[in-house]
Amino acid sequence: MKIKKGDNVIVIAGKDKGKKGKVVHAFPVEERVVVEGANVKKKHQRAKRKDQKGQIIDVSMPMHVSNVMVIDPKTGNRTRVGYKIEGKKKVRIAKKSGAQI
């Protein structure tokens, strides 16, 4: 999986198509990511103590990694991710501009 936690991504499919956000959590085994502000569901939460009330909160749910693309830091458009070896390090780069991600 080429998308990591902290990447700026754009949603390319689904009800939130076009939304931009940051990857909050990545699940590489399940090939899913949580993007802040995208795929938001309502969750009913019970009261934890007697003096506290129950509430309805908005929670960003995981979406499949194929529904998001990384935003190129140079151009601001969506791009694919590639790898390049600099010295003895493997570095992630944007395919379109060659900028380091």
Protein backbone atom coordinates (compact mmCIF):
# COMPACT_ATOMS: atom_id res chain seq x y z
CA MET A 1 0.00 0.00 0.00
CA LYS A 2 1.55 3.29 -1.12
CA ILE A 3 -0.61 5.66 0.94
CA LYS A 4 0.62 6.32 4.47
CA LYS A 5 -0.59 8.12 7.58
CA GLY A 6 -0.18 11.89 7.22
CA ASP A 7 -0.51 12.00 3.40
CA ASN A 8 -2.74 14.65 1.86
CA VAL A 9 -5.22 12.84 -0.39
CA ILE A 10 -8.25 13.50 -2.57
CA VAL A 11 -11.26 11.16 -2.74
CA ILE A 12 -11.78 9.99 -6.35
CA ALA A 13 -14.84 7.75 -5.95
CA GLY A 14 -17.94 7.46 -3.81
CA LYS A 15 -20.30 9.94 -2.19
CA ASP A 16 -17.43 12.19 -1.02
CA LYS A 17 -15.78 12.44 -4.46
CA GLY A 18 -13.63 15.57 -4.72
CA LYS A 19 -13.08 16.07 -0.99
CA LYS A 20 -9.52 16.63 0.20
CA GLY A 21 -8.14 15.64 3.56
CA LYS A 22 -5.32 14.11 5.55
CA VAL A 23 -4.95 10.39 6.22
CA VAL A 24 -5.54 9.95 9.96
CA HIS A 25 -5.13 6.19 10.12
CA ALA A 26 -3.99 3.50 7.67
CA PHE A 27 -4.87 -0.20 7.81
CA PRO A 28 -2.41 -1.87 5.35
CA VAL A 29 -3.62 -5.44 5.95
CA GLU A 30 -7.23 -4.49 5.15
CA GLU A 31 -6.14 -1.97 2.45
CA ARG A 32 -8.22 0.81 4.03
CA VAL A 33 -7.54 4.38 5.15
CA VAL A 34 -9.39 6.90 7.32
CA VAL A 35 -9.49 10.39 5.77
CA GLU A 36 -10.52 13.26 8.03
CA GLY A 37 -13.80 14.82 6.90
CA ALA A 38 -14.63 12.05 4.41
CA ASN A 39 -16.95 9.05 4.74
CA VAL A 40 -18.52 10.53 7.88
CA LYS A 41 -21.17 8.47 9.67
CA LYS A 42 -23.33 9.25 12.70
CA LYS A 43 -22.58 7.18 15.79
CA HIS A 44 -24.92 6.96 18.76
CA GLN A 45 -22.92 7.02 21.96
CA ARG A 46 -24.30 5.92 25.32
CA ALA A 47 -23.77 7.85 28.52
CA LYS A 48 -20.69 6.61 30.34
CA ARG A 49 -21.75 7.98 33.76
CA LYS A 50 -25.09 8.78 35.36
CA ASP A 51 -24.59 12.54 35.19
CA GLN A 52 -23.59 12.41 31.50
CA LYS A 53 -26.00 12.38 28.55
CA GLY A 54 -25.90 10.16 25.50
CA GLN A 55 -25.06 11.88 22.24
CA ILE A 56 -24.79 11.49 18.49
CA ILE A 57 -21.27 12.10 17.16
CA ASP A 58 -19.79 12.22 13.64
CA VAL A 59 -17.07 9.63 13.00
CA SER A 60 -14.87 9.27 9.89
CA MET A 61 -15.04 5.63 8.81
CA PRO A 62 -12.41 3.68 6.84
CA MET A 63 -12.61 3.62 3.04
CA HIS A 64 -10.80 1.46 0.52
CA VAL A 65 -7.39 2.76 -0.57
CA SER A 66 -8.39 2.55 -4.24
CA ASN A 67 -10.90 5.38 -3.69
CA VAL A 68 -8.20 7.94 -2.80
CA MET A 69 -5.13 9.40 -4.54
CA VAL A 70 -2.20 11.36 -3.15
CA ILE A 71 -2.06 15.11 -3.82
CA ASP A 72 1.14 16.25 -5.54
CA PRO A 73 2.90 18.77 -3.25
CA LYS A 74 4.29 20.70 -6.24
CA THR A 75 1.20 21.09 -8.46
CA GLY A 76 -1.69 20.37 -6.08
CA ASN A 77 -3.23 17.82 -8.47
CA ARG A 78 -3.75 14.13 -7.81
CA THR A 79 -0.90 11.80 -8.73
CA ARG A 80 0.34 8.26 -8.43
CA VAL A 81 3.19 7.34 -6.08
CA GLY A 82 6.52 5.91 -7.20
CA TYR A 83 9.79 5.09 -5.52
CA LYS A 84 13.30 6.35 -6.19
CA ILE A 85 16.59 5.35 -4.56
CA GLU A 86 18.68 8.29 -3.32
CA GLY A 87 21.96 7.07 -1.90
CA LYS A 88 20.98 4.17 0.33
CA LYS A 89 17.45 5.39 1.03
CA LYS A 90 14.20 4.54 -0.76
CA VAL A 91 12.17 7.74 -1.23
CA ARG A 92 8.53 8.18 -2.29
CA ILE A 93 8.01 10.54 -5.24
CA ALA A 94 5.05 11.89 -7.20
CA LYS A 95 4.90 10.29 -10.66
CA LYS A 96 3.76 13.45 -12.50
CA SER A 97 6.18 16.06 -11.14
CA GLY A 98 8.91 13.97 -9.53
CA ALA A 99 8.52 15.88 -6.25
CA GLN A 100 9.30 14.06 -3.02
CA ILE A 101 6.23 13.17 -0.95
